[in-house]
Amino acid sequence: MKIGQSYEIEFQFSQDQVDQFARVTGDDNPIHLDPVYAAKTIFRKPIMHGFLSASIFSRIFGTLFPGEGTIYLSQQLNFLKPMYVDQLYKAVVRIAEIFPDKHQAKISTEVHGDNGKLTISGDALVLHWDKF
């Protein structure tokens, strides 16, 4: 692994997955679950939970890049635009810094909508004994 190395993946979530996330977390805010309620908001339709949307980073780090053995230490997130079910998004992660003495890396994290607009941005700190 080296500075500048990146990984990207397309993904989407269904309303059923949003409903399951609401059940697991207890966050049953109607902005995520009730189309009639959401129609009266600035979003005009239900939006996904921010942390469900950003959970793609956990999948990437733990299974794809750097992959198995990665420990997620911290994550800073900015939720810039709403995200909706059944829409295609692209997550992009890029190694920004490596701290070899600690076996850690700072990784930039982004999600882009199908229109290319940035919906989530942030930075993660991860640990991996064999990769950094």
Protein backbone atom coordinates (compact mmCIF):
# COMPACT_ATOMS: atom_id res chain seq x y z
CA MET A 1 0.00 0.00 0.00
CA LYS A 2 1.28 3.47 -0.82
CA ILE A 3 0.19 7.09 -0.57
CA GLY A 4 -2.21 7.97 -3.38
CA GLN A 5 -3.38 4.39 -3.87
CA SER A 6 -7.17 4.28 -4.20
CA TYR A 7 -10.13 1.98 -4.45
CA GLU A 8 -13.67 2.63 -5.67
CA ILE A 9 -16.90 0.67 -5.73
CA GLU A 10 -20.44 1.32 -6.89
CA PHE A 11 -23.27 0.58 -4.46
CA GLN A 12 -26.88 1.26 -3.59
CA PHE A 13 -29.27 0.55 -0.74
CA SER A 14 -32.92 -0.52 -0.96
CA GLN A 15 -35.82 0.73 1.15
CA ASP A 16 -35.87 -2.68 2.83
CA GLN A 17 -32.26 -2.14 3.93
CA VAL A 18 -33.17 1.33 5.23
CA ASP A 19 -36.08 -0.22 7.16
CA GLN A 20 -33.74 -2.88 8.61
CA PHE A 21 -31.23 -0.19 9.63
CA ALA A 22 -34.03 1.73 11.36
CA ARG A 23 -35.02 -1.40 13.29
CA VAL A 24 -31.45 -2.23 14.30
CA THR A 25 -30.55 1.32 15.40
CA GLY A 26 -33.94 2.46 16.67
CA ASP A 27 -33.73 5.54 14.43
CA ASP A 28 -37.26 5.51 13.06
CA ASN A 29 -37.33 9.17 12.07
CA PRO A 30 -40.12 9.41 9.46
CA ILE A 31 -37.80 11.31 7.10
CA HIS A 32 -36.30 7.88 6.35
CA LEU A 33 -39.43 5.72 6.38
CA ASP A 34 -42.61 7.65 5.55
CA PRO A 35 -43.05 8.97 1.98
CA VAL A 36 -46.06 11.10 2.98
CA TYR A 37 -44.10 12.77 5.78
CA ALA A 38 -40.96 13.16 3.62
CA ALA A 39 -43.00 14.74 0.79
CA LYS A 40 -43.64 17.71 3.08
CA THR A 41 -39.90 18.29 3.69
CA ILE A 42 -37.21 19.97 1.59
CA PHE A 43 -36.17 16.50 0.36
CA ARG A 44 -39.62 15.66 -1.13
CA LYS A 45 -39.02 11.94 -0.54
CA PRO A 46 -37.42 9.70 2.10
CA ILE A 47 -33.66 10.01 2.52
CA MET A 48 -31.29 7.31 3.73
CA HIS A 49 -29.75 7.46 7.19
CA GLY A 50 -26.35 9.14 6.97
CA PHE A 51 -24.61 6.33 8.84
CA LEU A 52 -26.19 3.67 6.64
CA SER A 53 -24.92 5.59 3.61
CA ALA A 54 -21.43 5.85 5.10
CA SER A 55 -21.39 2.20 6.18
CA ILE A 56 -19.97 1.38 2.75
CA PHE A 57 -16.59 2.43 4.17
CA SER A 58 -16.74 -0.33 6.77
CA ARG A 59 -17.35 -2.86 3.99
CA ILE A 60 -14.46 -1.48 1.94
CA PHE A 61 -11.93 -1.37 4.77
CA GLY A 62 -12.86 -4.69 6.33
CA THR A 63 -13.16 -6.80 3.19
CA LEU A 64 -11.79 -5.03 0.09
CA PHE A 65 -9.18 -2.31 0.70
CA PRO A 66 -6.91 -2.89 2.59
CA GLY A 67 -9.15 -5.84 3.48
CA GLU A 68 -9.26 -8.59 6.08
CA GLY A 69 -7.42 -7.72 9.26
CA THR A 70 -8.12 -3.98 9.02
CA ILE A 71 -9.18 -2.28 12.24
CA TYR A 72 -11.28 0.88 11.89
CA LEU A 73 -9.93 3.41 14.43
CA SER A 74 -11.81 6.62 13.61
CA GLN A 75 -13.91 8.35 10.98
CA GLN A 76 -14.71 12.01 10.37
CA LEU A 77 -17.70 12.56 8.06
CA ASN A 78 -19.38 15.47 6.30
CA PHE A 79 -22.87 14.76 4.97
CA LEU A 80 -23.12 17.17 2.03
CA LYS A 81 -26.18 16.05 0.07
CA PRO A 82 -29.09 13.72 0.79
CA MET A 83 -28.90 10.16 -0.48
CA TYR A 84 -31.86 8.13 -1.71
CA VAL A 85 -32.73 4.45 -1.98
CA ASP A 86 -32.26 2.52 -5.21
CA GLN A 87 -29.86 5.11 -6.64
CA LEU A 88 -26.36 4.21 -7.72
CA TYR A 89 -23.48 5.79 -5.81
CA LYS A 90 -19.71 5.44 -6.01
CA ALA A 91 -17.51 5.26 -2.92
CA VAL A 92 -13.90 6.33 -3.39
CA VAL A 93 -11.16 5.86 -0.79
CA ARG A 94 -7.57 7.07 -1.17
CA ILE A 95 -4.55 6.66 1.08
CA ALA A 96 -3.56 10.15 2.23
CA GLU A 97 -0.89 9.36 4.83
CA ILE A 98 0.85 6.27 6.15
CA PHE A 99 2.25 5.97 9.67
CA PRO A 100 4.43 2.83 9.38
CA ASP A 101 5.64 2.90 13.00
CA LYS A 102 2.00 2.54 14.11
CA HIS A 103 0.85 0.33 11.17
CA GLN A 104 -1.82 2.97 10.45
CA ALA A 105 -3.04 4.98 7.49
CA LYS A 106 -5.20 8.06 7.08
CA ILE A 107 -7.58 7.43 4.19
CA SER A 108 -9.80 10.00 2.49
CA THR A 109 -13.38 8.79 2.11
CA GLU A 110 -15.91 10.07 -0.43
CA VAL A 111 -19.26 9.12 -1.88
CA HIS A 112 -20.37 10.52 -5.23
CA GLY A 113 -23.87 10.45 -6.70
CA ASP A 114 -24.56 9.25 -10.22
CA ASN A 115 -24.39 12.90 -11.27
CA GLY A 116 -20.82 13.04 -9.92
CA LYS A 117 -21.77 15.34 -7.05
CA LEU A 118 -20.08 14.73 -3.71
CA THR A 119 -22.58 13.50 -1.11
CA ILE A 120 -20.22 12.43 1.71
CA SER A 121 -16.62 13.41 2.41
CA GLY A 122 -14.28 12.68 5.26
CA ASP A 123 -11.19 10.92 6.54
CA ALA A 124 -10.68 7.59 8.26
CA LEU A 125 -7.85 6.24 10.34
CA VAL A 126 -7.27 2.49 10.02
CA LEU A 127 -4.77 0.01 11.37
CA HIS A 128 -3.40 -3.06 9.60
CA TRP A 129 -0.35 -4.95 10.88
CA ASP A 130 0.72 -6.34 7.49
CA LYS A 131 -0.18 -3.57 5.03
CA PHE A 132 1.20 -0.34 6.53
